[in-house]
Amino acid sequence: MGHSEESSFEIPVDKSGYMTAPQQYASALTFAKRYALINVLGISTSEEDTDATTVNKEKDAKSVKARIVFILRKLEYETETKSQVEHAVKKLTNLELTEKNYGEIVSRLEAILSERQNDSSKS
């Protein structure tokens, strides 16, 4: 005899992020749960939710790993899988994609990107 309402919404799985397949699905599930709870309870948030912003849409990446992927995409390299990222990093920087190398990788990739942008502006 109780009242009930039902609704649904689709949450796409972001397959372009720098995550494993299980992480991609877990991320989408967490996002869906958060918004379902917010809607059920009628909660409004005071800040814009930027968790679902992809690296492609951001003007500047927030983490070092995201910065690496961001630059590789600017350089038009495939970054769908970790192995693609590792291969591109090795090819461009001669460094292994390890945490201790992140700073140097970003420095080298930024130099390559800057050089390519300078070359394209001259032509």
PDB file of N, CA and C in Angstrom:
ATOM      1  N   MET A   1       0.805  -1.180   0.000  1.00  0.00           N
ATOM      2  CA  MET A   1       0.000   0.000   0.000  1.00  0.00           C
ATOM      3  C   MET A   1       0.860   1.261   0.000  1.00  0.00           C
ATOM      4  N   GLY A   2       2.167   1.128  -0.014  1.00  0.00           N
ATOM      5  CA  GLY A   2       3.032   2.304   0.015  1.00  0.00           C
ATOM      6  C   GLY A   2       3.222   2.892  -1.372  1.00  0.00           C
ATOM      7  N   HIS A   3       3.657   4.109  -1.393  1.00  0.00           N
ATOM      8  CA  HIS A   3       3.916   4.812  -2.648  1.00  0.00           C
ATOM      9  C   HIS A   3       5.320   4.481  -3.133  1.00  0.00           C
ATOM     10  N   SER A   4       5.478   4.309  -4.407  1.00  0.00           N
ATOM     11  CA  SER A   4       6.824   4.110  -4.968  1.00  0.00           C
ATOM     12  C   SER A   4       6.899   4.765  -6.336  1.00  0.00           C
ATOM     13  N   GLU A   5       8.097   5.192  -6.665  1.00  0.00           N
ATOM     14  CA  GLU A   5       8.375   5.759  -7.984  1.00  0.00           C
ATOM     15  C   GLU A   5       9.633   5.081  -8.505  1.00  0.00           C
ATOM     16  N   GLU A   6       9.695   4.958  -9.788  1.00  0.00           N
ATOM     17  CA  GLU A   6      10.829   4.297 -10.385  1.00  0.00           C
ATOM     18  C   GLU A   6      11.349   5.142 -11.538  1.00  0.00           C
ATOM     19  N   SER A   7      12.663   5.228 -11.656  1.00  0.00           N
ATOM     20  CA  SER A   7      13.276   5.913 -12.795  1.00  0.00           C
ATOM     21  C   SER A   7      14.623   5.263 -13.063  1.00  0.00           C
ATOM     22  N   SER A   8      15.156   5.531 -14.198  1.00  0.00           N
ATOM     23  CA  SER A   8      16.459   4.968 -14.540  1.00  0.00           C
ATOM     24  C   SER A   8      17.255   5.985 -15.348  1.00  0.00           C
ATOM     25  N   PHE A   9      18.546   5.781 -15.369  1.00  0.00           N
ATOM     26  CA  PHE A   9      19.427   6.594 -16.194  1.00  0.00           C
ATOM     27  C   PHE A   9      20.632   5.751 -16.562  1.00  0.00           C
ATOM     28  N   GLU A  10      21.240   6.085 -17.684  1.00  0.00           N
ATOM     29  CA  GLU A  10      22.391   5.324 -18.159  1.00  0.00           C
ATOM     30  C   GLU A  10      23.670   6.082 -17.838  1.00  0.00           C
ATOM     31  N   ILE A  11      24.652   5.360 -17.375  1.00  0.00           N
ATOM     32  CA  ILE A  11      25.969   5.918 -17.114  1.00  0.00           C
ATOM     33  C   ILE A  11      26.943   5.221 -18.060  1.00  0.00           C
ATOM     34  N   PRO A  12      27.510   5.953 -18.997  1.00  0.00           N
ATOM     35  CA  PRO A  12      28.468   5.324 -19.903  1.00  0.00           C
ATOM     36  C   PRO A  12      29.782   5.000 -19.183  1.00  0.00           C
ATOM     37  N   VAL A  13      30.419   3.943 -19.612  1.00  0.00           N
ATOM     38  CA  VAL A  13      31.721   3.567 -19.068  1.00  0.00           C
ATOM     39  C   VAL A  13      32.774   4.267 -19.906  1.00  0.00           C
ATOM     40  N   ASP A  14      33.626   5.051 -19.233  1.00  0.00           N
ATOM     41  CA  ASP A  14      34.679   5.802 -19.930  1.00  0.00           C
ATOM     42  C   ASP A  14      35.822   4.861 -20.263  1.00  0.00           C
ATOM     43  N   LYS A  15      35.903   4.457 -21.519  1.00  0.00           N
ATOM     44  CA  LYS A  15      36.942   3.513 -21.935  1.00  0.00           C
ATOM     45  C   LYS A  15      38.192   4.217 -22.430  1.00  0.00           C
ATOM     46  N   SER A  16      38.183   5.558 -22.408  1.00  0.00           N
ATOM     47  CA  SER A  16      39.337   6.288 -22.904  1.00  0.00           C
ATOM     48  C   SER A  16      40.274   6.712 -21.789  1.00  0.00           C
ATOM     49  N   GLY A  17      39.886   6.494 -20.532  1.00  0.00           N
ATOM     50  CA  GLY A  17      40.694   6.934 -19.404  1.00  0.00           C
ATOM     51  C   GLY A  17      41.905   6.047 -19.177  1.00  0.00           C
ATOM     52  N   TYR A  18      42.782   6.504 -18.333  1.00  0.00           N
ATOM     53  CA  TYR A  18      43.997   5.778 -17.988  1.00  0.00           C
ATOM     54  C   TYR A  18      43.689   4.851 -16.818  1.00  0.00           C
ATOM     55  N   MET A  19      42.811   3.855 -17.083  1.00  0.00           N
ATOM     56  CA  MET A  19      42.381   2.915 -16.060  1.00  0.00           C
ATOM     57  C   MET A  19      42.263   1.533 -16.679  1.00  0.00           C
ATOM     58  N   THR A  20      42.331   0.538 -15.816  1.00  0.00           N
ATOM     59  CA  THR A  20      42.077  -0.827 -16.274  1.00  0.00           C
ATOM     60  C   THR A  20      40.570  -0.978 -16.482  1.00  0.00           C
ATOM     61  N   ALA A  21      40.156  -2.029 -17.162  1.00  0.00           N
ATOM     62  CA  ALA A  21      38.727  -2.260 -17.408  1.00  0.00           C
ATOM     63  C   ALA A  21      37.925  -2.335 -16.103  1.00  0.00           C
ATOM     64  N   PRO A  22      38.385  -3.074 -15.076  1.00  0.00           N
ATOM     65  CA  PRO A  22      37.616  -3.093 -13.830  1.00  0.00           C
ATOM     66  C   PRO A  22      37.510  -1.706 -13.187  1.00  0.00           C
ATOM     67  N   GLN A  23      38.581  -0.915 -13.268  1.00  0.00           N
ATOM     68  CA  GLN A  23      38.537   0.436 -12.716  1.00  0.00           C
ATOM     69  C   GLN A  23      37.543   1.309 -13.474  1.00  0.00           C
ATOM     70  N   GLN A  24      37.459   1.130 -14.785  1.00  0.00           N
ATOM     71  CA  GLN A  24      36.522   1.913 -15.589  1.00  0.00           C
ATOM     72  C   GLN A  24      35.084   1.631 -15.152  1.00  0.00           C
ATOM     73  N   TYR A  25      34.757   0.348 -14.952  1.00  0.00           N
ATOM     74  CA  TYR A  25      33.409  -0.025 -14.533  1.00  0.00           C
ATOM     75  C   TYR A  25      33.131   0.419 -13.096  1.00  0.00           C
ATOM     76  N   ALA A  26      34.116   0.284 -12.222  1.00  0.00           N
ATOM     77  CA  ALA A  26      33.942   0.714 -10.832  1.00  0.00           C
ATOM     78  C   ALA A  26      33.737   2.228 -10.760  1.00  0.00           C
ATOM     79  N   SER A  27      34.453   2.962 -11.582  1.00  0.00           N
ATOM     80  CA  SER A  27      34.296   4.414 -11.623  1.00  0.00           C
ATOM     81  C   SER A  27      32.877   4.797 -12.046  1.00  0.00           C
ATOM     82  N   ALA A  28      32.373   4.148 -13.083  1.00  0.00           N
ATOM     83  CA  ALA A  28      31.009   4.424 -13.556  1.00  0.00           C
ATOM     84  C   ALA A  28      29.980   4.038 -12.490  1.00  0.00           C
ATOM     85  N   LEU A  29      30.196   2.920 -11.817  1.00  0.00           N
ATOM     86  CA  LEU A  29      29.273   2.469 -10.772  1.00  0.00           C
ATOM     87  C   LEU A  29      29.255   3.455  -9.598  1.00  0.00           C
ATOM     88  N   THR A  30      30.425   3.908  -9.176  1.00  0.00           N
ATOM     89  CA  THR A  30      30.515   4.882  -8.080  1.00  0.00           C
ATOM     90  C   THR A  30      29.796   6.167  -8.448  1.00  0.00           C
ATOM     91  N   PHE A  31      30.015   6.628  -9.666  1.00  0.00           N
ATOM     92  CA  PHE A  31      29.359   7.840 -10.155  1.00  0.00           C
ATOM     93  C   PHE A  31      27.836   7.669 -10.137  1.00  0.00           C
ATOM     94  N   ALA A  32      27.353   6.520 -10.617  1.00  0.00           N
ATOM     95  CA  ALA A  32      25.914   6.254 -10.661  1.00  0.00           C
ATOM     96  C   ALA A  32      25.319   6.198  -9.258  1.00  0.00           C
ATOM     97  N   LYS A  33      26.004   5.529  -8.341  1.00  0.00           N
ATOM     98  CA  LYS A  33      25.507   5.440  -6.966  1.00  0.00           C
ATOM     99  C   LYS A  33      25.420   6.818  -6.328  1.00  0.00           C
ATOM    100  N   ARG A  34      26.445   7.632  -6.541  1.00  0.00           N
ATOM    101  CA  ARG A  34      26.468   8.979  -5.964  1.00  0.00           C
ATOM    102  C   ARG A  34      25.270   9.791  -6.438  1.00  0.00           C
ATOM    103  N   TYR A  35      25.028   9.774  -7.736  1.00  0.00           N
ATOM    104  CA  TYR A  35      23.937  10.581  -8.267  1.00  0.00           C
ATOM    105  C   TYR A  35      22.563   9.997  -7.954  1.00  0.00           C
ATOM    106  N   ALA A  36      22.475   8.688  -7.854  1.00  0.00           N
ATOM    107  CA  ALA A  36      21.197   8.086  -7.448  1.00  0.00           C
ATOM    108  C   ALA A  36      20.858   8.513  -6.023  1.00  0.00           C
ATOM    109  N   LEU A  37      21.837   8.462  -5.138  1.00  0.00           N
ATOM    110  CA  LEU A  37      21.612   8.859  -3.750  1.00  0.00           C
ATOM    111  C   LEU A  37      21.273  10.346  -3.643  1.00  0.00           C
ATOM    112  N   ILE A  38      21.977  11.179  -4.362  1.00  0.00           N
ATOM    113  CA  ILE A  38      21.704  12.618  -4.367  1.00  0.00           C
ATOM    114  C   ILE A  38      20.283  12.883  -4.837  1.00  0.00           C
ATOM    115  N   ASN A  39      19.858  12.199  -5.876  1.00  0.00           N
ATOM    116  CA  ASN A  39      18.500  12.405  -6.397  1.00  0.00           C
ATOM    117  C   ASN A  39      17.425  11.861  -5.466  1.00  0.00           C
ATOM    118  N   VAL A  40      17.651  10.694  -4.874  1.00  0.00           N
ATOM    119  CA  VAL A  40      16.662  10.109  -3.964  1.00  0.00           C
ATOM    120  C   VAL A  40      16.467  10.996  -2.740  1.00  0.00           C
ATOM    121  N   LEU A  41      17.549  11.531  -2.211  1.00  0.00           N
ATOM    122  CA  LEU A  41      17.468  12.336  -1.003  1.00  0.00           C
ATOM    123  C   LEU A  41      17.177  13.817  -1.283  1.00  0.00           C
ATOM    124  N   GLY A  42      17.201  14.190  -2.553  1.00  0.00           N
ATOM    125  CA  GLY A  42      16.924  15.579  -2.896  1.00  0.00           C
ATOM    126  C   GLY A  42      18.016  16.522  -2.434  1.00  0.00           C
ATOM    127  N   ILE A  43      19.247  16.027  -2.432  1.00  0.00           N
ATOM    128  CA  ILE A  43      20.376  16.829  -1.964  1.00  0.00           C
ATOM    129  C   ILE A  43      20.884  17.694  -3.114  1.00  0.00           C
ATOM    130  N   SER A  44      21.218  18.932  -2.800  1.00  0.00           N
ATOM    131  CA  SER A  44      21.889  19.763  -3.804  1.00  0.00           C
ATOM    132  C   SER A  44      23.323  19.966  -3.338  1.00  0.00           C
ATOM    133  N   THR A  45      24.225  20.000  -4.276  1.00  0.00           N
ATOM    134  CA  THR A  45      25.635  20.190  -3.936  1.00  0.00           C
ATOM    135  C   THR A  45      26.014  21.628  -4.184  1.00  0.00           C
ATOM    136  N   SER A  46      26.972  22.113  -3.418  1.00  0.00           N
ATOM    137  CA  SER A  46      27.365  23.520  -3.537  1.00  0.00           C
ATOM    138  C   SER A  46      28.444  23.734  -4.586  1.00  0.00           C
ATOM    139  N   GLU A  47      29.147  22.688  -4.934  1.00  0.00           N
ATOM    140  CA  GLU A  47      30.226  22.817  -5.908  1.00  0.00           C
ATOM    141  C   GLU A  47      29.935  21.971  -7.133  1.00  0.00           C
ATOM    142  N   GLU A  48      30.498  22.393  -8.246  1.00  0.00           N
ATOM    143  CA  GLU A  48      30.368  21.613  -9.475  1.00  0.00           C
ATOM    144  C   GLU A  48      31.148  20.317  -9.321  1.00  0.00           C
ATOM    145  N   ASP A  49      30.548  19.206  -9.730  1.00  0.00           N
ATOM    146  CA  ASP A  49      31.206  17.912  -9.668  1.00  0.00           C
ATOM    147  C   ASP A  49      32.069  17.748 -10.906  1.00  0.00           C
ATOM    148  N   THR A  50      33.368  17.673 -10.701  1.00  0.00           N
ATOM    149  CA  THR A  50      34.291  17.542 -11.833  1.00  0.00           C
ATOM    150  C   THR A  50      34.906  16.151 -11.911  1.00  0.00           C
ATOM    151  N   ASP A  51      34.411  15.205 -11.082  1.00  0.00           N
ATOM    152  CA  ASP A  51      34.979  13.855 -11.093  1.00  0.00           C
ATOM    153  C   ASP A  51      34.874  13.179 -12.447  1.00  0.00           C
ATOM    154  N   ALA A  52      33.833  13.466 -13.184  1.00  0.00           N
ATOM    155  CA  ALA A  52      33.617  12.783 -14.460  1.00  0.00           C
ATOM    156  C   ALA A  52      34.291  13.494 -15.624  1.00  0.00           C
ATOM    157  N   THR A  53      34.999  14.577 -15.360  1.00  0.00           N
ATOM    158  CA  THR A  53      35.689  15.292 -16.430  1.00  0.00           C
ATOM    159  C   THR A  53      36.801  14.414 -16.964  1.00  0.00           C
ATOM    160  N   THR A  54      36.849  14.271 -18.260  1.00  0.00           N
ATOM    161  CA  THR A  54      37.898  13.448 -18.845  1.00  0.00           C
ATOM    162  C   THR A  54      39.120  14.288 -19.111  1.00  0.00           C
ATOM    163  N   VAL A  55      40.226  13.601 -19.258  1.00  0.00           N
ATOM    164  CA  VAL A  55      41.479  14.294 -19.541  1.00  0.00           C
ATOM    165  C   VAL A  55      41.370  15.089 -20.833  1.00  0.00           C
ATOM    166  N   ASN A  56      40.648  14.564 -21.809  1.00  0.00           N
ATOM    167  CA  ASN A  56      40.511  15.277 -23.083  1.00  0.00           C
ATOM    168  C   ASN A  56      39.833  16.633 -22.939  1.00  0.00           C
ATOM    169  N   LYS A  57      38.918  16.772 -21.988  1.00  0.00           N
ATOM    170  CA  LYS A  57      38.161  18.002 -21.841  1.00  0.00           C
ATOM    171  C   LYS A  57      38.866  19.021 -20.956  1.00  0.00           C
ATOM    172  N   GLU A  58      39.795  18.581 -20.142  1.00  0.00           N
ATOM    173  CA  GLU A  58      40.475  19.491 -19.230  1.00  0.00           C
ATOM    174  C   GLU A  58      41.521  20.295 -19.982  1.00  0.00           C
ATOM    175  N   LYS A  59      41.685  21.533 -19.556  1.00  0.00           N
ATOM    176  CA  LYS A  59      42.726  22.367 -20.152  1.00  0.00           C
ATOM    177  C   LYS A  59      44.081  21.988 -19.599  1.00  0.00           C
ATOM    178  N   ASP A  60      44.108  21.522 -18.364  1.00  0.00           N
ATOM    179  CA  ASP A  60      45.350  21.117 -17.736  1.00  0.00           C
ATOM    180  C   ASP A  60      45.071  19.919 -16.838  1.00  0.00           C
ATOM    181  N   ALA A  61      45.873  18.888 -16.947  1.00  0.00           N
ATOM    182  CA  ALA A  61      45.661  17.681 -16.161  1.00  0.00           C
ATOM    183  C   ALA A  61      46.052  17.917 -14.707  1.00  0.00           C
ATOM    184  N   LYS A  62      45.354  17.255 -13.793  1.00  0.00           N
ATOM    185  CA  LYS A  62      45.559  17.491 -12.366  1.00  0.00           C
ATOM    186  C   LYS A  62      46.623  16.598 -11.745  1.00  0.00           C
ATOM    187  N   SER A  63      46.793  15.375 -12.206  1.00  0.00           N
ATOM    188  CA  SER A  63      47.809  14.487 -11.640  1.00  0.00           C
ATOM    189  C   SER A  63      48.926  14.285 -12.653  1.00  0.00           C
ATOM    190  N   VAL A  64      50.051  13.794 -12.163  1.00  0.00           N
ATOM    191  CA  VAL A  64      51.198  13.573 -13.045  1.00  0.00           C
ATOM    192  C   VAL A  64      50.857  12.529 -14.108  1.00  0.00           C
ATOM    193  N   LYS A  65      50.187  11.433 -13.708  1.00  0.00           N
ATOM    194  CA  LYS A  65      49.818  10.395 -14.684  1.00  0.00           C
ATOM    195  C   LYS A  65      48.853  10.957 -15.723  1.00  0.00           C
ATOM    196  N   ALA A  66      47.900  11.742 -15.264  1.00  0.00           N
ATOM    197  CA  ALA A  66      46.949  12.348 -16.201  1.00  0.00           C
ATOM    198  C   ALA A  66      47.672  13.316 -17.123  1.00  0.00           C
ATOM    199  N   ARG A  67      48.654  14.026 -16.613  1.00  0.00           N
ATOM    200  CA  ARG A  67      49.432  14.974 -17.429  1.00  0.00           C
ATOM    201  C   ARG A  67      50.173  14.210 -18.537  1.00  0.00           C
ATOM    202  N   ILE A  68      50.731  13.076 -18.205  1.00  0.00           N
ATOM    203  CA  ILE A  68      51.435  12.262 -19.204  1.00  0.00           C
ATOM    204  C   ILE A  68      50.470  11.856 -20.319  1.00  0.00           C
ATOM    205  N   VAL A  69      49.295  11.346 -19.942  1.00  0.00           N
ATOM    206  CA  VAL A  69      48.303  10.936 -20.937  1.00  0.00           C
ATOM    207  C   VAL A  69      47.841  12.148 -21.749  1.00  0.00           C
ATOM    208  N   PHE A  70      47.611  13.253 -21.080  1.00  0.00           N
ATOM    209  CA  PHE A  70      47.169  14.488 -21.730  1.00  0.00           C
ATOM    210  C   PHE A  70      48.169  14.906 -22.819  1.00  0.00           C
ATOM    211  N   ILE A  71      49.446  14.909 -22.486  1.00  0.00           N
ATOM    212  CA  ILE A  71      50.482  15.318 -23.454  1.00  0.00           C
ATOM    213  C   ILE A  71      50.567  14.312 -24.592  1.00  0.00           C
ATOM    214  N   LEU A  72      50.518  13.013 -24.272  1.00  0.00           N
ATOM    215  CA  LEU A  72      50.578  11.994 -25.324  1.00  0.00           C
ATOM    216  C   LEU A  72      49.425  12.170 -26.308  1.00  0.00           C
ATOM    217  N   ARG A  73      48.245  12.494 -25.804  1.00  0.00           N
ATOM    218  CA  ARG A  73      47.099  12.720 -26.695  1.00  0.00           C
ATOM    219  C   ARG A  73      47.316  13.957 -27.545  1.00  0.00           C
ATOM    220  N   LYS A  74      47.888  14.992 -26.963  1.00  0.00           N
ATOM    221  CA  LYS A  74      48.214  16.201 -27.742  1.00  0.00           C
ATOM    222  C   LYS A  74      49.205  15.869 -28.848  1.00  0.00           C
ATOM    223  N   LEU A  75      50.090  14.918 -28.564  1.00  0.00           N
ATOM    224  CA  LEU A  75      51.078  14.475 -29.552  1.00  0.00           C
ATOM    225  C   LEU A  75      50.504  13.419 -30.500  1.00  0.00           C
ATOM    226  N   GLU A  76      49.194  13.147 -30.355  1.00  0.00           N
ATOM    227  CA  GLU A  76      48.440  12.232 -31.207  1.00  0.00           C
ATOM    228  C   GLU A  76      48.879  10.773 -31.093  1.00  0.00           C
ATOM    229  N   TYR A  77      49.189  10.359 -29.867  1.00  0.00           N
ATOM    230  CA  TYR A  77      49.497   8.962 -29.597  1.00  0.00           C
ATOM    231  C   TYR A  77      48.270   8.288 -29.003  1.00  0.00           C
ATOM    232  N   GLU A  78      48.135   6.997 -29.241  1.00  0.00           N
ATOM    233  CA  GLU A  78      47.047   6.212 -28.672  1.00  0.00           C
ATOM    234  C   GLU A  78      47.302   6.044 -27.177  1.00  0.00           C
ATOM    235  N   THR A  79      46.269   6.248 -26.372  1.00  0.00           N
ATOM    236  CA  THR A  79      46.406   6.127 -24.914  1.00  0.00           C
ATOM    237  C   THR A  79      45.251   5.340 -24.309  1.00  0.00           C
ATOM    238  N   GLU A  80      44.670   4.441 -25.087  1.00  0.00           N
ATOM    239  CA  GLU A  80      43.516   3.671 -24.614  1.00  0.00           C
ATOM    240  C   GLU A  80      43.895   2.657 -23.548  1.00  0.00           C
ATOM    241  N   THR A  81      45.092   2.109 -23.633  1.00  0.00           N
ATOM    242  CA  THR A  81      45.524   1.086 -22.680  1.00  0.00           C
ATOM    243  C   THR A  81      46.845   1.492 -22.051  1.00  0.00           C
ATOM    244  N   LYS A  82      47.129   0.875 -20.924  1.00  0.00           N
ATOM    245  CA  LYS A  82      48.393   1.155 -20.247  1.00  0.00           C
ATOM    246  C   LYS A  82      49.577   0.791 -21.138  1.00  0.00           C
ATOM    247  N   SER A  83      49.470  -0.304 -21.876  1.00  0.00           N
ATOM    248  CA  SER A  83      50.586  -0.709 -22.738  1.00  0.00           C
ATOM    249  C   SER A  83      50.831   0.313 -23.847  1.00  0.00           C
ATOM    250  N   GLN A  84      49.771   0.937 -24.361  1.00  0.00           N
ATOM    251  CA  GLN A  84      49.949   1.992 -25.364  1.00  0.00           C
ATOM    252  C   GLN A  84      50.665   3.197 -24.763  1.00  0.00           C
ATOM    253  N   VAL A  85      50.297   3.545 -23.543  1.00  0.00           N
ATOM    254  CA  VAL A  85      50.942   4.670 -22.860  1.00  0.00           C
ATOM    255  C   VAL A  85      52.410   4.337 -22.605  1.00  0.00           C
ATOM    256  N   GLU A  86      52.662   3.140 -22.090  1.00  0.00           N
ATOM    257  CA  GLU A  86      54.040   2.717 -21.818  1.00  0.00           C
ATOM    258  C   GLU A  86      54.887   2.738 -23.094  1.00  0.00           C
ATOM    259  N   HIS A  87      54.324   2.227 -24.188  1.00  0.00           N
ATOM    260  CA  HIS A  87      55.042   2.189 -25.458  1.00  0.00           C
ATOM    261  C   HIS A  87      55.365   3.606 -25.947  1.00  0.00           C
ATOM    262  N   ALA A  88      54.388   4.502 -25.892  1.00  0.00           N
ATOM    263  CA  ALA A  88      54.599   5.879 -26.353  1.00  0.00           C
ATOM    264  C   ALA A  88      55.634   6.592 -25.490  1.00  0.00           C
ATOM    265  N   VAL A  89      55.555   6.396 -24.182  1.00  0.00           N
ATOM    266  CA  VAL A  89      56.519   7.033 -23.274  1.00  0.00           C
ATOM    267  C   VAL A  89      57.926   6.536 -23.581  1.00  0.00           C
ATOM    268  N   LYS A  90      58.078   5.230 -23.740  1.00  0.00           N
ATOM    269  CA  LYS A  90      59.391   4.641 -24.046  1.00  0.00           C
ATOM    270  C   LYS A  90      59.928   5.170 -25.366  1.00  0.00           C
ATOM    271  N   LYS A  91      59.071   5.234 -26.372  1.00  0.00           N
ATOM    272  CA  LYS A  91      59.480   5.698 -27.705  1.00  0.00           C
ATOM    273  C   LYS A  91      59.916   7.163 -27.675  1.00  0.00           C
ATOM    274  N   LEU A  92      59.168   7.993 -26.970  1.00  0.00           N
ATOM    275  CA  LEU A  92      59.442   9.425 -26.975  1.00  0.00           C
ATOM    276  C   LEU A  92      60.519   9.865 -25.990  1.00  0.00           C
ATOM    277  N   THR A  93      60.613   9.178 -24.851  1.00  0.00           N
ATOM    278  CA  THR A  93      61.511   9.656 -23.793  1.00  0.00           C
ATOM    279  C   THR A  93      62.660   8.713 -23.459  1.00  0.00           C
ATOM    280  N   ASN A  94      62.607   7.489 -23.966  1.00  0.00           N
ATOM    281  CA  ASN A  94      63.574   6.443 -23.611  1.00  0.00           C
ATOM    282  C   ASN A  94      63.556   6.125 -22.114  1.00  0.00           C
ATOM    283  N   LEU A  95      62.421   6.380 -21.455  1.00  0.00           N
ATOM    284  CA  LEU A  95      62.262   6.082 -20.035  1.00  0.00           C
ATOM    285  C   LEU A  95      61.148   5.071 -19.838  1.00  0.00           C
ATOM    286  N   GLU A  96      61.283   4.263 -18.785  1.00  0.00           N
ATOM    287  CA  GLU A  96      60.218   3.349 -18.405  1.00  0.00           C
ATOM    288  C   GLU A  96      59.151   4.145 -17.656  1.00  0.00           C
ATOM    289  N   LEU A  97      57.906   3.761 -17.818  1.00  0.00           N
ATOM    290  CA  LEU A  97      56.804   4.425 -17.138  1.00  0.00           C
ATOM    291  C   LEU A  97      56.727   3.910 -15.702  1.00  0.00           C
ATOM    292  N   THR A  98      57.555   4.482 -14.845  1.00  0.00           N
ATOM    293  CA  THR A  98      57.552   4.157 -13.419  1.00  0.00           C
ATOM    294  C   THR A  98      57.408   5.454 -12.638  1.00  0.00           C
ATOM    295  N   GLU A  99      56.918   5.327 -11.414  1.00  0.00           N
ATOM    296  CA  GLU A  99      56.647   6.505 -10.587  1.00  0.00           C
ATOM    297  C   GLU A  99      57.883   7.378 -10.415  1.00  0.00           C
ATOM    298  N   LYS A 100      59.051   6.767 -10.256  1.00  0.00           N
ATOM    299  CA  LYS A 100      60.266   7.563 -10.048  1.00  0.00           C
ATOM    300  C   LYS A 100      60.632   8.380 -11.289  1.00  0.00           C
ATOM    301  N   ASN A 101      60.124   7.989 -12.467  1.00  0.00           N
ATOM    302  CA  ASN A 101      60.426   8.699 -13.714  1.00  0.00           C
ATOM    303  C   ASN A 101      59.361   9.720 -14.113  1.00  0.00           C
ATOM    304  N   TYR A 102      58.237   9.775 -13.401  1.00  0.00           N
ATOM    305  CA  TYR A 102      57.120  10.622 -13.828  1.00  0.00           C
ATOM    306  C   TYR A 102      57.542  12.067 -14.090  1.00  0.00           C
ATOM    307  N   GLY A 103      58.284  12.673 -13.179  1.00  0.00           N
ATOM    308  CA  GLY A 103      58.696  14.066 -13.347  1.00  0.00           C
ATOM    309  C   GLY A 103      59.522  14.276 -14.602  1.00  0.00           C
ATOM    310  N   GLU A 104      60.483  13.405 -14.816  1.00  0.00           N
ATOM    311  CA  GLU A 104      61.340  13.511 -15.996  1.00  0.00           C
ATOM    312  C   GLU A 104      60.559  13.225 -17.277  1.00  0.00           C
ATOM    313  N   ILE A 105      59.639  12.272 -17.225  1.00  0.00           N
ATOM    314  CA  ILE A 105      58.799  11.968 -18.386  1.00  0.00           C
ATOM    315  C   ILE A 105      57.992  13.190 -18.780  1.00  0.00           C
ATOM    316  N   VAL A 106      57.356  13.831 -17.807  1.00  0.00           N
ATOM    317  CA  VAL A 106      56.561  15.033 -18.092  1.00  0.00           C
ATOM    318  C   VAL A 106      57.448  16.115 -18.691  1.00  0.00           C
ATOM    319  N   SER A 107      58.631  16.323 -18.115  1.00  0.00           N
ATOM    320  CA  SER A 107      59.550  17.346 -18.639  1.00  0.00           C
ATOM    321  C   SER A 107      59.919  17.078 -20.094  1.00  0.00           C
ATOM    322  N   ARG A 108      60.264  15.833 -20.386  1.00  0.00           N
ATOM    323  CA  ARG A 108      60.658  15.486 -21.758  1.00  0.00           C
ATOM    324  C   ARG A 108      59.486  15.591 -22.731  1.00  0.00           C
ATOM    325  N   LEU A 109      58.313  15.119 -22.300  1.00  0.00           N
ATOM    326  CA  LEU A 109      57.139  15.194 -23.175  1.00  0.00           C
ATOM    327  C   LEU A 109      56.731  16.648 -23.428  1.00  0.00           C
ATOM    328  N   GLU A 110      56.806  17.481 -22.397  1.00  0.00           N
ATOM    329  CA  GLU A 110      56.471  18.896 -22.571  1.00  0.00           C
ATOM    330  C   GLU A 110      57.443  19.570 -23.535  1.00  0.00           C
ATOM    331  N   ALA A 111      58.712  19.197 -23.467  1.00  0.00           N
ATOM    332  CA  ALA A 111      59.702  19.751 -24.389  1.00  0.00           C
ATOM    333  C   ALA A 111      59.396  19.325 -25.829  1.00  0.00           C
ATOM    334  N   ILE A 112      59.045  18.073 -26.017  1.00  0.00           N
ATOM    335  CA  ILE A 112      58.692  17.576 -27.354  1.00  0.00           C
ATOM    336  C   ILE A 112      57.456  18.292 -27.874  1.00  0.00           C
ATOM    337  N   LEU A 113      56.434  18.427 -27.026  1.00  0.00           N
ATOM    338  CA  LEU A 113      55.203  19.112 -27.418  1.00  0.00           C
ATOM    339  C   LEU A 113      55.483  20.558 -27.788  1.00  0.00           C
ATOM    340  N   SER A 114      56.268  21.228 -26.983  1.00  0.00           N
ATOM    341  CA  SER A 114      56.617  22.628 -27.251  1.00  0.00           C
ATOM    342  C   SER A 114      57.361  22.760 -28.573  1.00  0.00           C
ATOM    343  N   GLU A 115      58.285  21.860 -28.807  1.00  0.00           N
ATOM    344  CA  GLU A 115      59.060  21.870 -30.053  1.00  0.00           C
ATOM    345  C   GLU A 115      58.149  21.666 -31.270  1.00  0.00           C
ATOM    346  N   ARG A 116      57.241  20.718 -31.170  1.00  0.00           N
ATOM    347  CA  ARG A 116      56.315  20.453 -32.275  1.00  0.00           C
ATOM    348  C   ARG A 116      55.380  21.622 -32.514  1.00  0.00           C
ATOM    349  N   GLN A 117      54.929  22.260 -31.437  1.00  0.00           N
ATOM    350  CA  GLN A 117      54.040  23.414 -31.584  1.00  0.00           C
ATOM    351  C   GLN A 117      54.800  24.586 -32.224  1.00  0.00           C
ATOM    352  N   ASN A 118      56.052  24.761 -31.863  1.00  0.00           N
ATOM    353  CA  ASN A 118      56.875  25.810 -32.469  1.00  0.00           C
ATOM    354  C   ASN A 118      57.110  25.540 -33.947  1.00  0.00           C
ATOM    355  N   ASP A 119      57.387  24.275 -34.278  1.00  0.00           N
ATOM    356  CA  ASP A 119      57.616  23.895 -35.667  1.00  0.00           C
ATOM    357  C   ASP A 119      56.360  24.127 -36.513  1.00  0.00           C
ATOM    358  N   SER A 120      55.183  23.800 -35.972  1.00  0.00           N
ATOM    359  CA  SER A 120      53.951  23.957 -36.742  1.00  0.00           C
ATOM    360  C   SER A 120      53.568  25.431 -36.880  1.00  0.00           C
ATOM    361  N   SER A 121      53.955  26.261 -35.925  1.00  0.00           N
ATOM    362  CA  SER A 121      53.625  27.695 -36.045  1.00  0.00           C
ATOM    363  C   SER A 121      54.541  28.388 -37.045  1.00  0.00           C
ATOM    364  N   LYS A 122      55.719  27.817 -37.298  1.00  0.00           N
ATOM    365  CA  LYS A 122      56.648  28.401 -38.274  1.00  0.00           C
ATOM    366  C   LYS A 122      56.241  28.092 -39.703  1.00  0.00           C
ATOM    367  N   SER A 123      55.495  26.974 -39.888  1.00  0.00           N
ATOM    368  CA  SER A 123      55.124  26.591 -41.257  1.00  0.00           C
ATOM    369  C   SER A 123      53.795  27.125 -41.678  1.00  0.00           C
TER     370      SER A 123
END
